[in-house]
Amino acid sequence: MAPIDQVHLSFNPQTLTILNAVLGLVMFGVALELRVEDFKTALRTPKALALGLLGHHVLFPAMTYVLIWILRPEPSIALGMILVSSCPAGHISNFLVQMSRGNTALSVSVSALSTVVALFMTPLNFAFWGNLHPITAGLMRQVAMSPWEMLEVIVMLLGVPLVLGMWVARQYPGFAHKLQKPMKILSLLILVGFIGGALAANFQHFLNYIQLVVGVVFVHNLMALTTGYGLSTLIGLPERDRRAITFEMGIQNSGLGLILIFNFFDGLGGMAIVTAWWGIWHIVAGLTLATYWKNRPPLSLAPASGTTA
């Protein structure tokens, strides 16, 4: 079996195009249940917005640095962990927040702002923490990100589906209401299909090296999810906001991470495998948590069971 850094995953522009289309479809389905008033409410909670951004772009990368000291994975795996923690929020978080009956408008707002801020925070975090840690410093190279490419991500994956979905909901409310449930089912089926396809295309690589990344990704993702919920609870956010912040911290744009790896690190095996597994695992973990919360409505949404003093 070859060293992990000699492995090259099956990843091409066509795969990325399919992923982008899937995420755009998911975002459209989420937008069918959003109203302009939802965003006005979210913007009136600057504390939650600030926590989502600071937790994602400041706290999580710093915690990843400490976690690498504790776990001491292979250098390329460690560098992949730093890159994942430096990426903006993954747009699938919006679907998961909606599914879990959280504050979807807050989730969309944090995702959008996180992606914009990532123009400078992703290269900054990656360069700072990657060069600072002795395990990863030797593998570091300069990472440059195109603002126009990032703008395209915002517009195509978030802006266009969001505006289109909200326009349909406003102009054709009856049709949008009928479409909501089928869109949720279709989005879930497509996501599961994409996970299966990704595993099948790289099955032998995952089989050979999975033991090196499974535990690392599990702990890394769990740390992000629990920190999001714990901090939002600590500062007194309502339950719907806690669920939104949890997913905004725990769901990363691993697709962007893979693009950077193939552009700047020639598909370095350890980085690519840990990032690809992150992309699969955080969807599995997110769907599991969202399903659990779906059947446990937040207190503010629960039907009254009696009078209070």
C-alpha atoms as a PDB file:
ATOM      1  CA  MET A   1       0.000   0.000   0.000  1.00  0.00           C
ATOM      2  CA  ALA A   2       1.444   3.365  -1.052  1.00  0.00           C
ATOM      3  CA  PRO A   3       1.996   6.180   1.478  1.00  0.00           C
ATOM      4  CA  ILE A   4      -1.142   8.272   1.910  1.00  0.00           C
ATOM      5  CA  ASP A   5       0.421  11.359   0.315  1.00  0.00           C
ATOM      6  CA  GLN A   6       0.891   9.488  -2.971  1.00  0.00           C
ATOM      7  CA  VAL A   7      -2.846   8.829  -3.275  1.00  0.00           C
ATOM      8  CA  HIS A   8      -4.895  10.812  -5.809  1.00  0.00           C
ATOM      9  CA  LEU A   9      -8.667  10.856  -5.402  1.00  0.00           C
ATOM     10  CA  SER A  10     -11.121  10.718  -8.298  1.00  0.00           C
ATOM     11  CA  PHE A  11     -12.144  14.369  -8.507  1.00  0.00           C
ATOM     12  CA  ASN A  12     -12.772  16.454 -11.609  1.00  0.00           C
ATOM     13  CA  PRO A  13     -14.591  19.638 -12.669  1.00  0.00           C
ATOM     14  CA  GLN A  14     -17.642  17.615 -13.721  1.00  0.00           C
ATOM     15  CA  THR A  15     -17.962  16.246 -10.184  1.00  0.00           C
ATOM     16  CA  LEU A  16     -17.783  19.766  -8.782  1.00  0.00           C
ATOM     17  CA  THR A  17     -20.425  20.960 -11.254  1.00  0.00           C
ATOM     18  CA  ILE A  18     -22.785  18.220 -10.076  1.00  0.00           C
ATOM     19  CA  LEU A  19     -22.143  19.143  -6.441  1.00  0.00           C
ATOM     20  CA  ASN A  20     -22.832  22.813  -7.173  1.00  0.00           C
ATOM     21  CA  ALA A  21     -26.102  21.913  -8.899  1.00  0.00           C
ATOM     22  CA  VAL A  22     -27.141  19.748  -5.947  1.00  0.00           C
ATOM     23  CA  LEU A  23     -26.429  22.518  -3.440  1.00  0.00           C
ATOM     24  CA  GLY A  24     -28.262  25.065  -5.588  1.00  0.00           C
ATOM     25  CA  LEU A  25     -31.330  22.817  -5.726  1.00  0.00           C
ATOM     26  CA  VAL A  26     -31.210  22.320  -1.965  1.00  0.00           C
ATOM     27  CA  MET A  27     -30.979  26.089  -1.428  1.00  0.00           C
ATOM     28  CA  PHE A  28     -33.993  26.653  -3.707  1.00  0.00           C
ATOM     29  CA  GLY A  29     -36.033  24.215  -1.624  1.00  0.00           C
ATOM     30  CA  VAL A  30     -35.000  25.971   1.583  1.00  0.00           C
ATOM     31  CA  ALA A  31     -35.917  29.382   0.129  1.00  0.00           C
ATOM     32  CA  LEU A  32     -39.497  28.264  -0.601  1.00  0.00           C
ATOM     33  CA  GLU A  33     -40.222  28.582   3.130  1.00  0.00           C
ATOM     34  CA  LEU A  34     -38.427  31.898   3.688  1.00  0.00           C
ATOM     35  CA  ARG A  35     -39.891  35.385   3.763  1.00  0.00           C
ATOM     36  CA  VAL A  36     -38.252  38.829   3.772  1.00  0.00           C
ATOM     37  CA  GLU A  37     -39.534  39.287   7.321  1.00  0.00           C
ATOM     38  CA  ASP A  38     -37.391  36.320   8.414  1.00  0.00           C
ATOM     39  CA  PHE A  39     -34.219  38.172   7.431  1.00  0.00           C
ATOM     40  CA  LYS A  40     -35.304  41.354   9.155  1.00  0.00           C
ATOM     41  CA  THR A  41     -35.731  39.323  12.334  1.00  0.00           C
ATOM     42  CA  ALA A  42     -32.304  37.696  11.920  1.00  0.00           C
ATOM     43  CA  LEU A  43     -30.594  41.057  11.422  1.00  0.00           C
ATOM     44  CA  ARG A  44     -32.137  42.249  14.667  1.00  0.00           C
ATOM     45  CA  THR A  45     -30.062  39.619  16.498  1.00  0.00           C
ATOM     46  CA  PRO A  46     -26.492  40.861  15.971  1.00  0.00           C
ATOM     47  CA  LYS A  47     -25.271  38.753  18.899  1.00  0.00           C
ATOM     48  CA  ALA A  48     -26.165  35.544  17.076  1.00  0.00           C
ATOM     49  CA  LEU A  49     -24.671  36.755  13.779  1.00  0.00           C
ATOM     50  CA  ALA A  50     -21.432  37.765  15.505  1.00  0.00           C
ATOM     51  CA  LEU A  51     -21.162  34.412  17.287  1.00  0.00           C
ATOM     52  CA  GLY A  52     -21.700  32.536  14.034  1.00  0.00           C
ATOM     53  CA  LEU A  53     -18.942  34.467  12.251  1.00  0.00           C
ATOM     54  CA  LEU A  54     -16.410  34.597  15.108  1.00  0.00           C
ATOM     55  CA  GLY A  55     -17.011  30.981  16.044  1.00  0.00           C
ATOM     56  CA  HIS A  56     -16.536  29.860  12.470  1.00  0.00           C
ATOM     57  CA  HIS A  57     -13.589  31.978  11.349  1.00  0.00           C
ATOM     58  CA  VAL A  58     -11.688  32.559  14.612  1.00  0.00           C
ATOM     59  CA  LEU A  59     -12.510  30.001  17.286  1.00  0.00           C
ATOM     60  CA  PHE A  60     -12.779  26.825  15.176  1.00  0.00           C
ATOM     61  CA  PRO A  61      -9.379  27.236  13.422  1.00  0.00           C
ATOM     62  CA  ALA A  62      -7.726  27.954  16.786  1.00  0.00           C
ATOM     63  CA  MET A  63      -9.344  24.889  18.353  1.00  0.00           C
ATOM     64  CA  THR A  64      -8.214  22.808  15.366  1.00  0.00           C
ATOM     65  CA  TYR A  65      -4.634  23.886  16.032  1.00  0.00           C
ATOM     66  CA  VAL A  66      -4.901  22.620  19.616  1.00  0.00           C
ATOM     67  CA  LEU A  67      -6.627  19.397  18.511  1.00  0.00           C
ATOM     68  CA  ILE A  68      -3.750  18.584  16.156  1.00  0.00           C
ATOM     69  CA  TRP A  69      -1.337  18.805  19.107  1.00  0.00           C
ATOM     70  CA  ILE A  70      -3.500  16.295  20.964  1.00  0.00           C
ATOM     71  CA  LEU A  71      -4.205  13.809  18.127  1.00  0.00           C
ATOM     72  CA  ARG A  72      -0.888  14.233  16.245  1.00  0.00           C
ATOM     73  CA  PRO A  73      -2.130  12.860  12.877  1.00  0.00           C
ATOM     74  CA  GLU A  74      -0.018  12.509   9.720  1.00  0.00           C
ATOM     75  CA  PRO A  75       1.278  15.955   8.601  1.00  0.00           C
ATOM     76  CA  SER A  76      -0.834  16.060   5.423  1.00  0.00           C
ATOM     77  CA  ILE A  77      -3.950  15.020   7.373  1.00  0.00           C
ATOM     78  CA  ALA A  78      -3.235  17.748   9.920  1.00  0.00           C
ATOM     79  CA  LEU A  79      -2.875  20.310   7.136  1.00  0.00           C
ATOM     80  CA  GLY A  80      -6.177  19.123   5.663  1.00  0.00           C
ATOM     81  CA  MET A  81      -7.830  19.656   9.049  1.00  0.00           C
ATOM     82  CA  ILE A  82      -6.517  23.225   9.160  1.00  0.00           C
ATOM     83  CA  LEU A  83      -7.789  23.880   5.630  1.00  0.00           C
ATOM     84  CA  VAL A  84     -11.245  22.493   6.423  1.00  0.00           C
ATOM     85  CA  SER A  85     -11.483  24.644   9.559  1.00  0.00           C
ATOM     86  CA  SER A  86     -10.501  27.697   7.486  1.00  0.00           C
ATOM     87  CA  CYS A  87     -13.240  27.234   4.858  1.00  0.00           C
ATOM     88  CA  PRO A  88     -16.570  29.093   5.057  1.00  0.00           C
ATOM     89  CA  ALA A  89     -19.796  27.469   6.172  1.00  0.00           C
ATOM     90  CA  GLY A  90     -21.191  24.787   3.884  1.00  0.00           C
ATOM     91  CA  HIS A  91     -24.479  25.771   2.241  1.00  0.00           C
ATOM     92  CA  ILE A  92     -26.080  22.441   3.150  1.00  0.00           C
ATOM     93  CA  SER A  93     -26.238  23.861   6.678  1.00  0.00           C
ATOM     94  CA  ASN A  94     -29.272  25.913   5.613  1.00  0.00           C
ATOM     95  CA  PHE A  95     -31.176  22.769   4.659  1.00  0.00           C
ATOM     96  CA  LEU A  96     -30.200  21.045   7.918  1.00  0.00           C
ATOM     97  CA  VAL A  97     -31.265  24.036  10.023  1.00  0.00           C
ATOM     98  CA  GLN A  98     -34.612  24.121   8.268  1.00  0.00           C
ATOM     99  CA  MET A  99     -35.028  20.377   8.745  1.00  0.00           C
ATOM    100  CA  SER A 100     -34.204  20.701  12.459  1.00  0.00           C
ATOM    101  CA  ARG A 101     -36.763  23.534  12.898  1.00  0.00           C
ATOM    102  CA  GLY A 102     -34.048  26.060  13.670  1.00  0.00           C
ATOM    103  CA  ASN A 103     -33.732  29.697  12.599  1.00  0.00           C
ATOM    104  CA  THR A 104     -33.228  29.253   8.844  1.00  0.00           C
ATOM    105  CA  ALA A 105     -32.980  32.973   8.070  1.00  0.00           C
ATOM    106  CA  LEU A 106     -30.182  33.310  10.646  1.00  0.00           C
ATOM    107  CA  SER A 107     -28.453  30.296   9.096  1.00  0.00           C
ATOM    108  CA  VAL A 108     -28.643  31.772   5.586  1.00  0.00           C
ATOM    109  CA  SER A 109     -27.391  35.138   6.857  1.00  0.00           C
ATOM    110  CA  VAL A 110     -24.397  33.556   8.614  1.00  0.00           C
ATOM    111  CA  SER A 111     -23.616  31.374   5.567  1.00  0.00           C
ATOM    112  CA  ALA A 112     -23.667  34.352   3.216  1.00  0.00           C
ATOM    113  CA  LEU A 113     -21.536  36.545   5.475  1.00  0.00           C
ATOM    114  CA  SER A 114     -19.188  33.651   6.209  1.00  0.00           C
ATOM    115  CA  THR A 115     -18.580  33.129   2.494  1.00  0.00           C
ATOM    116  CA  VAL A 116     -17.870  36.835   1.910  1.00  0.00           C
ATOM    117  CA  VAL A 117     -15.521  37.062   4.913  1.00  0.00           C
ATOM    118  CA  ALA A 118     -13.764  33.894   3.703  1.00  0.00           C
ATOM    119  CA  LEU A 119     -12.267  35.935   0.837  1.00  0.00           C
ATOM    120  CA  PHE A 120      -9.563  37.044   3.250  1.00  0.00           C
ATOM    121  CA  MET A 121     -10.105  34.880   6.354  1.00  0.00           C
ATOM    122  CA  THR A 122      -9.639  31.500   4.624  1.00  0.00           C
ATOM    123  CA  PRO A 123      -6.151  32.262   3.214  1.00  0.00           C
ATOM    124  CA  LEU A 124      -5.236  34.155   6.416  1.00  0.00           C
ATOM    125  CA  ASN A 125      -6.267  31.343   8.774  1.00  0.00           C
ATOM    126  CA  PHE A 126      -4.712  28.658   6.598  1.00  0.00           C
ATOM    127  CA  ALA A 127      -1.394  30.489   6.271  1.00  0.00           C
ATOM    128  CA  PHE A 128      -1.234  31.493   9.945  1.00  0.00           C
ATOM    129  CA  TRP A 129      -2.131  28.164  11.584  1.00  0.00           C
ATOM    130  CA  GLY A 130      -0.467  26.040   8.909  1.00  0.00           C
ATOM    131  CA  ASN A 131       2.867  27.838   9.258  1.00  0.00           C
ATOM    132  CA  LEU A 132       2.610  28.076  13.036  1.00  0.00           C
ATOM    133  CA  HIS A 133       2.260  24.346  13.675  1.00  0.00           C
ATOM    134  CA  PRO A 134       5.552  22.388  13.383  1.00  0.00           C
ATOM    135  CA  ILE A 135       3.681  19.327  12.082  1.00  0.00           C
ATOM    136  CA  THR A 136       2.379  21.170   9.026  1.00  0.00           C
ATOM    137  CA  ALA A 137       4.830  24.017   8.419  1.00  0.00           C
ATOM    138  CA  GLY A 138       6.993  21.953   6.056  1.00  0.00           C
ATOM    139  CA  LEU A 139       4.062  21.271   3.717  1.00  0.00           C
ATOM    140  CA  MET A 140       2.852  24.853   3.486  1.00  0.00           C
ATOM    141  CA  ARG A 141       2.632  26.742   0.243  1.00  0.00           C
ATOM    142  CA  GLN A 142       1.122  30.062  -0.564  1.00  0.00           C
ATOM    143  CA  VAL A 143      -2.628  29.836  -1.161  1.00  0.00           C
ATOM    144  CA  ALA A 144      -4.289  32.471  -3.314  1.00  0.00           C
ATOM    145  CA  MET A 145      -8.039  32.744  -3.744  1.00  0.00           C
ATOM    146  CA  SER A 146      -9.784  34.521  -6.604  1.00  0.00           C
ATOM    147  CA  PRO A 147     -12.374  37.044  -5.348  1.00  0.00           C
ATOM    148  CA  TRP A 148     -14.333  36.530  -8.572  1.00  0.00           C
ATOM    149  CA  GLU A 149     -14.451  32.781  -8.032  1.00  0.00           C
ATOM    150  CA  MET A 150     -15.713  33.295  -4.490  1.00  0.00           C
ATOM    151  CA  LEU A 151     -18.278  35.838  -5.735  1.00  0.00           C
ATOM    152  CA  GLU A 152     -19.492  33.234  -8.220  1.00  0.00           C
ATOM    153  CA  VAL A 153     -19.945  30.778  -5.338  1.00  0.00           C
ATOM    154  CA  ILE A 154     -22.048  33.304  -3.418  1.00  0.00           C
ATOM    155  CA  VAL A 155     -24.199  34.246  -6.403  1.00  0.00           C
ATOM    156  CA  MET A 156     -24.734  30.815  -7.963  1.00  0.00           C
ATOM    157  CA  LEU A 157     -25.038  28.612  -4.868  1.00  0.00           C
ATOM    158  CA  LEU A 158     -26.727  31.020  -2.492  1.00  0.00           C
ATOM    159  CA  GLY A 159     -27.982  34.193  -4.164  1.00  0.00           C
ATOM    160  CA  VAL A 160     -29.748  32.917  -7.291  1.00  0.00           C
ATOM    161  CA  PRO A 161     -31.532  29.908  -5.688  1.00  0.00           C
ATOM    162  CA  LEU A 162     -32.471  32.033  -2.672  1.00  0.00           C
ATOM    163  CA  VAL A 163     -33.982  34.869  -4.703  1.00  0.00           C
ATOM    164  CA  LEU A 164     -35.718  32.468  -7.098  1.00  0.00           C
ATOM    165  CA  GLY A 165     -37.199  30.360  -4.292  1.00  0.00           C
ATOM    166  CA  MET A 166     -38.439  33.389  -2.349  1.00  0.00           C
ATOM    167  CA  TRP A 167     -39.867  34.914  -5.546  1.00  0.00           C
ATOM    168  CA  VAL A 168     -41.790  31.708  -6.305  1.00  0.00           C
ATOM    169  CA  ALA A 169     -43.081  31.612  -2.722  1.00  0.00           C
ATOM    170  CA  ARG A 170     -44.238  35.231  -2.937  1.00  0.00           C
ATOM    171  CA  GLN A 171     -45.798  35.086  -6.400  1.00  0.00           C
ATOM    172  CA  TYR A 172     -47.263  31.589  -6.226  1.00  0.00           C
ATOM    173  CA  PRO A 173     -47.757  30.775  -2.515  1.00  0.00           C
ATOM    174  CA  GLY A 174     -50.104  27.848  -3.165  1.00  0.00           C
ATOM    175  CA  PHE A 175     -47.735  26.219  -5.628  1.00  0.00           C
ATOM    176  CA  ALA A 176     -44.756  26.847  -3.327  1.00  0.00           C
ATOM    177  CA  HIS A 177     -46.571  25.247  -0.391  1.00  0.00           C
ATOM    178  CA  LYS A 178     -47.294  22.120  -2.447  1.00  0.00           C
ATOM    179  CA  LEU A 179     -43.683  22.015  -3.607  1.00  0.00           C
ATOM    180  CA  GLN A 180     -42.101  22.246  -0.145  1.00  0.00           C
ATOM    181  CA  LYS A 181     -42.472  18.624   0.932  1.00  0.00           C
ATOM    182  CA  PRO A 182     -41.450  17.057  -2.430  1.00  0.00           C
ATOM    183  CA  MET A 183     -38.410  19.361  -2.540  1.00  0.00           C
ATOM    184  CA  LYS A 184     -37.310  18.226   0.926  1.00  0.00           C
ATOM    185  CA  ILE A 185     -37.602  14.559  -0.082  1.00  0.00           C
ATOM    186  CA  LEU A 186     -35.848  15.159  -3.420  1.00  0.00           C
ATOM    187  CA  SER A 187     -33.027  17.113  -1.745  1.00  0.00           C
ATOM    188  CA  LEU A 188     -32.473  14.335   0.779  1.00  0.00           C
ATOM    189  CA  LEU A 189     -32.442  11.630  -1.930  1.00  0.00           C
ATOM    190  CA  ILE A 190     -29.978  13.591  -4.061  1.00  0.00           C
ATOM    191  CA  LEU A 191     -27.671  14.144  -1.089  1.00  0.00           C
ATOM    192  CA  VAL A 192     -27.682  10.458  -0.204  1.00  0.00           C
ATOM    193  CA  GLY A 193     -27.038   9.616  -3.860  1.00  0.00           C
ATOM    194  CA  PHE A 194     -24.104  12.004  -4.029  1.00  0.00           C
ATOM    195  CA  ILE A 195     -22.580  10.502  -0.862  1.00  0.00           C
ATOM    196  CA  GLY A 196     -22.913   7.019  -2.350  1.00  0.00           C
ATOM    197  CA  GLY A 197     -21.368   8.135  -5.631  1.00  0.00           C
ATOM    198  CA  ALA A 198     -18.401   9.777  -3.923  1.00  0.00           C
ATOM    199  CA  LEU A 199     -17.741   6.626  -1.908  1.00  0.00           C
ATOM    200  CA  ALA A 200     -18.051   4.363  -4.938  1.00  0.00           C
ATOM    201  CA  ALA A 201     -15.662   6.432  -7.087  1.00  0.00           C
ATOM    202  CA  ASN A 202     -12.928   6.304  -4.439  1.00  0.00           C
ATOM    203  CA  PHE A 203     -13.892   3.155  -2.569  1.00  0.00           C
ATOM    204  CA  GLN A 204     -10.493   1.450  -2.661  1.00  0.00           C
ATOM    205  CA  HIS A 205      -8.668   4.560  -1.421  1.00  0.00           C
ATOM    206  CA  PHE A 206     -11.112   5.016   1.447  1.00  0.00           C
ATOM    207  CA  LEU A 207     -10.868   1.328   2.273  1.00  0.00           C
ATOM    208  CA  ASN A 208      -7.061   1.487   2.434  1.00  0.00           C
ATOM    209  CA  TYR A 209      -6.685   4.684   4.438  1.00  0.00           C
ATOM    210  CA  ILE A 210      -9.989   5.219   6.182  1.00  0.00           C
ATOM    211  CA  GLN A 211      -8.622   4.154   9.563  1.00  0.00           C
ATOM    212  CA  LEU A 212      -6.301   7.181   9.474  1.00  0.00           C
ATOM    213  CA  VAL A 213      -9.078   9.759   9.083  1.00  0.00           C
ATOM    214  CA  VAL A 214     -12.332   8.365  10.516  1.00  0.00           C
ATOM    215  CA  GLY A 215     -11.524   9.035  14.168  1.00  0.00           C
ATOM    216  CA  VAL A 216      -9.887  12.376  13.405  1.00  0.00           C
ATOM    217  CA  VAL A 217     -12.851  13.676  11.413  1.00  0.00           C
ATOM    218  CA  PHE A 218     -15.358  12.378  13.984  1.00  0.00           C
ATOM    219  CA  VAL A 219     -13.641  14.223  16.847  1.00  0.00           C
ATOM    220  CA  HIS A 220     -13.028  17.347  14.733  1.00  0.00           C
ATOM    221  CA  ASN A 221     -16.652  17.599  13.594  1.00  0.00           C
ATOM    222  CA  LEU A 222     -18.042  16.768  17.040  1.00  0.00           C
ATOM    223  CA  MET A 223     -15.905  19.534  18.512  1.00  0.00           C
ATOM    224  CA  ALA A 224     -17.354  22.043  16.041  1.00  0.00           C
ATOM    225  CA  LEU A 225     -20.984  21.015  16.602  1.00  0.00           C
ATOM    226  CA  THR A 226     -20.791  20.923  20.405  1.00  0.00           C
ATOM    227  CA  THR A 227     -18.895  24.224  20.555  1.00  0.00           C
ATOM    228  CA  GLY A 228     -21.550  25.922  18.434  1.00  0.00           C
ATOM    229  CA  TYR A 229     -24.381  24.702  20.632  1.00  0.00           C
ATOM    230  CA  GLY A 230     -22.477  25.244  23.876  1.00  0.00           C
ATOM    231  CA  LEU A 231     -21.449  28.829  23.140  1.00  0.00           C
ATOM    232  CA  SER A 232     -24.880  29.846  21.860  1.00  0.00           C
ATOM    233  CA  THR A 233     -26.399  28.387  25.024  1.00  0.00           C
ATOM    234  CA  LEU A 234     -23.836  30.178  27.176  1.00  0.00           C
ATOM    235  CA  ILE A 235     -24.706  33.618  25.776  1.00  0.00           C
ATOM    236  CA  GLY A 236     -28.438  32.958  26.150  1.00  0.00           C
ATOM    237  CA  LEU A 237     -29.624  32.514  22.550  1.00  0.00           C
ATOM    238  CA  PRO A 238     -33.073  30.944  22.048  1.00  0.00           C
ATOM    239  CA  GLU A 239     -33.215  27.293  20.999  1.00  0.00           C
ATOM    240  CA  ARG A 240     -33.934  28.006  17.310  1.00  0.00           C
ATOM    241  CA  ASP A 241     -30.814  30.188  17.116  1.00  0.00           C
ATOM    242  CA  ARG A 242     -28.727  27.565  18.954  1.00  0.00           C
ATOM    243  CA  ARG A 243     -29.598  24.986  16.338  1.00  0.00           C
ATOM    244  CA  ALA A 244     -28.682  27.399  13.547  1.00  0.00           C
ATOM    245  CA  ILE A 245     -25.311  28.288  15.081  1.00  0.00           C
ATOM    246  CA  THR A 246     -24.578  24.600  15.757  1.00  0.00           C
ATOM    247  CA  PHE A 247     -24.853  23.730  12.080  1.00  0.00           C
ATOM    248  CA  GLU A 248     -23.094  26.895  10.926  1.00  0.00           C
ATOM    249  CA  MET A 249     -20.035  25.903  12.959  1.00  0.00           C
ATOM    250  CA  GLY A 250     -20.216  22.179  12.249  1.00  0.00           C
ATOM    251  CA  ILE A 251     -20.838  22.191   8.483  1.00  0.00           C
ATOM    252  CA  GLN A 252     -17.858  23.254   6.348  1.00  0.00           C
ATOM    253  CA  ASN A 253     -17.572  24.030   2.640  1.00  0.00           C
ATOM    254  CA  SER A 254     -15.354  21.007   2.001  1.00  0.00           C
ATOM    255  CA  GLY A 255     -15.977  21.323  -1.759  1.00  0.00           C
ATOM    256  CA  LEU A 256     -14.017  24.584  -1.699  1.00  0.00           C
ATOM    257  CA  GLY A 257     -11.344  22.823   0.352  1.00  0.00           C
ATOM    258  CA  LEU A 258     -10.951  20.145  -2.334  1.00  0.00           C
ATOM    259  CA  ILE A 259     -10.671  22.798  -5.047  1.00  0.00           C
ATOM    260  CA  LEU A 260      -7.806  24.467  -3.161  1.00  0.00           C
ATOM    261  CA  ILE A 261      -6.079  21.127  -2.553  1.00  0.00           C
ATOM    262  CA  PHE A 262      -6.147  20.181  -6.222  1.00  0.00           C
ATOM    263  CA  ASN A 263      -5.160  23.675  -7.342  1.00  0.00           C
ATOM    264  CA  PHE A 264      -2.305  24.319  -4.914  1.00  0.00           C
ATOM    265  CA  PHE A 265      -1.219  20.966  -3.462  1.00  0.00           C
ATOM    266  CA  ASP A 266      -1.540  18.682  -6.493  1.00  0.00           C
ATOM    267  CA  GLY A 267      -4.204  16.607  -4.751  1.00  0.00           C
ATOM    268  CA  LEU A 268      -1.942  15.725  -1.800  1.00  0.00           C
ATOM    269  CA  GLY A 269      -3.332  12.395  -0.554  1.00  0.00           C
ATOM    270  CA  GLY A 270      -3.728  13.014   3.172  1.00  0.00           C
ATOM    271  CA  MET A 271      -5.246  16.467   2.667  1.00  0.00           C
ATOM    272  CA  ALA A 272      -7.608  15.238  -0.036  1.00  0.00           C
ATOM    273  CA  ILE A 273      -8.809  12.143   1.831  1.00  0.00           C
ATOM    274  CA  VAL A 274      -9.478  13.908   5.143  1.00  0.00           C
ATOM    275  CA  THR A 275     -11.274  16.757   3.342  1.00  0.00           C
ATOM    276  CA  ALA A 276     -13.334  14.384   1.200  1.00  0.00           C
ATOM    277  CA  TRP A 277     -14.265  12.314   4.251  1.00  0.00           C
ATOM    278  CA  TRP A 278     -15.213  15.529   6.069  1.00  0.00           C
ATOM    279  CA  GLY A 279     -17.554  16.307   3.166  1.00  0.00           C
ATOM    280  CA  ILE A 280     -19.239  12.937   3.567  1.00  0.00           C
ATOM    281  CA  TRP A 281     -19.227  12.689   7.334  1.00  0.00           C
ATOM    282  CA  HIS A 282     -20.582  16.151   8.163  1.00  0.00           C
ATOM    283  CA  ILE A 283     -23.621  15.436   5.978  1.00  0.00           C
ATOM    284  CA  VAL A 284     -24.199  12.113   7.753  1.00  0.00           C
ATOM    285  CA  ALA A 285     -23.730  13.692  11.191  1.00  0.00           C
ATOM    286  CA  GLY A 286     -25.802  16.722  10.210  1.00  0.00           C
ATOM    287  CA  LEU A 287     -28.708  14.658   8.903  1.00  0.00           C
ATOM    288  CA  THR A 288     -28.633  12.521  12.051  1.00  0.00           C
ATOM    289  CA  LEU A 289     -28.744  15.545  14.356  1.00  0.00           C
ATOM    290  CA  ALA A 290     -31.355  17.322  12.212  1.00  0.00           C
ATOM    291  CA  THR A 291     -33.588  14.222  12.288  1.00  0.00           C
ATOM    292  CA  TYR A 292     -33.286  14.100  16.085  1.00  0.00           C
ATOM    293  CA  TRP A 293     -34.189  17.775  16.436  1.00  0.00           C
ATOM    294  CA  LYS A 294     -36.957  17.573  13.831  1.00  0.00           C
ATOM    295  CA  ASN A 295     -39.043  15.526  16.254  1.00  0.00           C
ATOM    296  CA  ARG A 296     -38.232  17.805  19.193  1.00  0.00           C
ATOM    297  CA  PRO A 297     -39.592  21.271  18.411  1.00  0.00           C
ATOM    298  CA  PRO A 298     -37.944  24.262  20.098  1.00  0.00           C
ATOM    299  CA  LEU A 299     -39.774  25.520  23.153  1.00  0.00           C
ATOM    300  CA  SER A 300     -41.052  28.582  21.295  1.00  0.00           C
ATOM    301  CA  LEU A 301     -42.616  26.329  18.640  1.00  0.00           C
ATOM    302  CA  ALA A 302     -44.046  23.683  20.946  1.00  0.00           C
ATOM    303  CA  PRO A 303     -47.827  23.714  21.436  1.00  0.00           C
ATOM    304  CA  ALA A 304     -48.990  25.056  24.761  1.00  0.00           C
ATOM    305  CA  SER A 305     -49.691  22.324  27.283  1.00  0.00           C
ATOM    306  CA  GLY A 306     -51.282  24.428  29.946  1.00  0.00           C
ATOM    307  CA  THR A 307     -51.149  27.761  31.643  1.00  0.00           C
ATOM    308  CA  THR A 308     -48.151  29.227  33.416  1.00  0.00           C
ATOM    309  CA  ALA A 309     -48.052  31.313  36.516  1.00  0.00           C
END
